[in-house]
């Protein structure tokens, strides 16, 4: 299965709920695998950003739910924040098993402009016999 078919299946529920993602991918000259920011797709009119490369990396650890996965945000981050948070979480996903209802301290990520984010499992898809998921990332309000 090709890249476009993989992501069409993985993002099907997301696009059914929020509309088709914009055609262009937000990417950098230096890619994620070489230490740059993660690539993202967006739907500007919905203020939605979603990663579009993490789940195809062999090095990504499966989530606590046993899924290869991508990350998205809706209304919570601007493009710079989403890129910074997703890049940090993407790097962490190569080292740790993230998952549903997990919280992650991102206070060291300058452009995140939040201290803690939480992940919620949004959807799952089986693609060529492999389980994939999409996790929504949201800033967590400070504890009082």
Protein backbone atom coordinates (compact mmCIF):
# COMPACT_ATOMS: atom_id res chain seq x y z
CA UNK A 1 0.00 0.00 0.00
CA UNK A 2 1.29 3.44 -0.89
CA UNK A 3 1.77 6.42 1.38
CA UNK A 4 -1.38 8.23 0.20
CA UNK A 5 -3.59 5.16 0.61
CA UNK A 6 -2.11 4.52 4.07
CA UNK A 7 -2.97 8.01 5.28
CA UNK A 8 -6.36 8.10 3.53
CA UNK A 9 -7.35 5.05 5.58
CA UNK A 10 -5.75 6.29 8.82
CA UNK A 11 -7.31 9.76 8.55
CA UNK A 12 -10.72 8.60 7.31
CA UNK A 13 -12.63 9.22 10.56
CA UNK A 14 -10.83 12.54 11.12
CA UNK A 15 -11.75 13.78 7.64
CA UNK A 16 -15.33 12.50 8.00
CA UNK A 17 -15.73 14.62 11.13
CA UNK A 18 -13.74 17.76 10.22
CA UNK A 19 -13.53 17.74 6.42
CA UNK A 20 -10.77 16.93 3.95
CA UNK A 21 -7.25 17.96 4.91
CA UNK A 22 -5.62 20.67 2.83
CA UNK A 23 -3.60 19.38 -0.10
CA UNK A 24 -0.14 20.60 0.93
CA UNK A 25 2.03 19.00 3.61
CA UNK A 26 3.88 21.27 6.04
CA UNK A 27 7.45 20.03 5.98
CA UNK A 28 10.96 21.38 6.55
CA UNK A 29 14.17 21.29 4.55
CA UNK A 30 15.68 19.07 7.25
CA UNK A 31 13.26 16.22 7.88
CA UNK A 32 12.24 14.62 11.16
CA UNK A 33 14.47 11.58 10.61
CA UNK A 34 17.50 13.93 10.39
CA UNK A 35 16.57 15.91 13.53
CA UNK A 36 14.17 18.46 12.00
CA UNK A 37 10.49 19.02 12.75
CA UNK A 38 7.84 16.42 12.03
CA UNK A 39 5.78 16.79 8.84
CA UNK A 40 2.14 17.78 9.28
CA UNK A 41 -1.03 18.12 7.30
CA UNK A 42 -3.62 20.69 8.23
CA UNK A 43 -7.15 21.83 7.68
CA UNK A 44 -6.86 25.59 8.07
CA UNK A 45 -10.60 26.19 8.19
CA UNK A 46 -10.88 23.76 11.12
CA UNK A 47 -7.65 24.84 12.90
CA UNK A 48 -6.53 21.23 12.78
CA UNK A 49 -2.98 19.85 12.51
CA UNK A 50 -2.03 16.18 12.15
CA UNK A 51 1.34 14.46 11.82
CA UNK A 52 1.87 12.48 8.66
CA UNK A 53 5.04 10.43 9.00
CA UNK A 54 5.43 8.96 12.49
CA UNK A 55 3.42 5.76 12.02
CA UNK A 56 5.56 4.58 9.11
CA UNK A 57 8.84 4.69 11.05
CA UNK A 58 10.01 1.23 12.11
CA UNK A 59 11.66 2.85 15.16
CA UNK A 60 8.35 4.12 16.55
CA UNK A 61 7.31 2.18 19.64
CA UNK A 62 3.77 0.93 19.56
CA UNK A 63 1.44 2.80 21.88
CA UNK A 64 0.24 1.38 25.20
CA UNK A 65 -2.76 0.15 23.18
CA UNK A 66 -0.48 -1.70 20.73
CA UNK A 67 -0.88 0.81 17.87
CA UNK A 68 1.49 2.51 15.44
CA UNK A 69 0.18 6.08 15.47
CA UNK A 70 -0.04 9.71 14.45
CA UNK A 71 -0.94 12.78 16.51
CA UNK A 72 -3.41 15.61 15.93
CA UNK A 73 -4.75 18.76 17.53
CA UNK A 74 -7.98 20.64 16.94
CA UNK A 75 -8.33 24.28 18.07
CA UNK A 76 -5.70 23.99 20.82
CA UNK A 77 -2.45 25.00 19.05
CA UNK A 78 -1.28 27.32 16.33
CA UNK A 79 1.08 25.93 13.67
CA UNK A 80 4.30 26.72 15.58
CA UNK A 81 2.98 25.19 18.80
CA UNK A 82 1.70 22.08 17.01
CA UNK A 83 5.02 21.59 15.20
CA UNK A 84 7.01 21.98 18.44
CA UNK A 85 4.77 19.71 20.55
CA UNK A 86 4.37 17.06 17.83
CA UNK A 87 8.11 17.01 17.12
CA UNK A 88 8.86 16.50 20.82
CA UNK A 89 6.21 13.79 21.16
CA UNK A 90 7.33 12.19 17.90
CA UNK A 91 10.86 11.91 19.24
CA UNK A 92 9.54 10.49 22.51
CA UNK A 93 7.45 7.95 20.58
CA UNK A 94 10.69 6.44 19.27
CA UNK A 95 11.79 5.78 22.87
CA UNK A 96 8.64 5.24 24.97
CA UNK A 97 5.20 3.65 24.75
CA UNK A 98 2.80 6.61 24.78
CA UNK A 99 -0.93 5.98 24.99
CA UNK A 100 -4.48 6.91 25.84
CA UNK A 101 -4.86 9.28 28.80
CA UNK A 102 -1.09 9.66 29.13
CA UNK A 103 0.23 13.07 30.11
CA UNK A 104 3.61 14.37 28.99
CA UNK A 105 5.64 17.25 30.44
CA UNK A 106 6.58 19.55 27.54
CA UNK A 107 7.68 22.48 29.71
CA UNK A 108 11.19 22.30 28.20
CA UNK A 109 9.76 22.84 24.70
CA UNK A 110 9.93 26.62 24.35
CA UNK A 111 7.41 27.06 21.53
CA UNK A 112 4.88 24.72 23.17
CA UNK A 113 3.64 27.56 25.44
CA UNK A 114 2.11 24.94 27.74
CA UNK A 115 3.64 22.75 30.43
CA UNK A 116 1.75 19.48 30.06
CA UNK A 117 -0.20 17.81 27.27
CA UNK A 118 -2.49 14.81 27.36
CA UNK A 119 -3.20 12.20 24.70
CA UNK A 120 -6.61 10.73 23.96
CA UNK A 121 -7.17 7.88 21.52
CA UNK A 122 -9.42 9.26 18.79
CA UNK A 123 -9.60 6.48 16.19
CA UNK A 124 -8.15 3.16 15.11
CA UNK A 125 -7.67 1.54 11.71
CA UNK A 126 -6.29 -1.76 10.50
CA UNK A 127 -4.06 -1.31 7.47
CA UNK A 128 -2.55 -4.40 5.85
CA UNK A 129 -3.00 -6.35 9.08
CA UNK A 130 -1.31 -3.72 11.30
CA UNK A 131 -3.22 -1.75 13.93
CA UNK A 132 -2.85 2.05 13.72
CA UNK A 133 -4.27 4.86 15.80
CA UNK A 134 -4.74 8.59 15.90
CA UNK A 135 -4.28 10.38 19.23
CA UNK A 136 -5.60 13.84 19.99
CA UNK A 137 -3.10 16.02 21.84
CA UNK A 138 -4.45 18.71 24.15
CA UNK A 139 -2.86 21.11 26.61
CA UNK A 140 -3.63 20.16 30.16
CA UNK A 141 -4.59 23.00 32.49
CA UNK A 142 -2.19 23.60 35.39
CA UNK A 143 -2.97 21.74 38.61
CA UNK A 144 -4.01 24.00 41.49
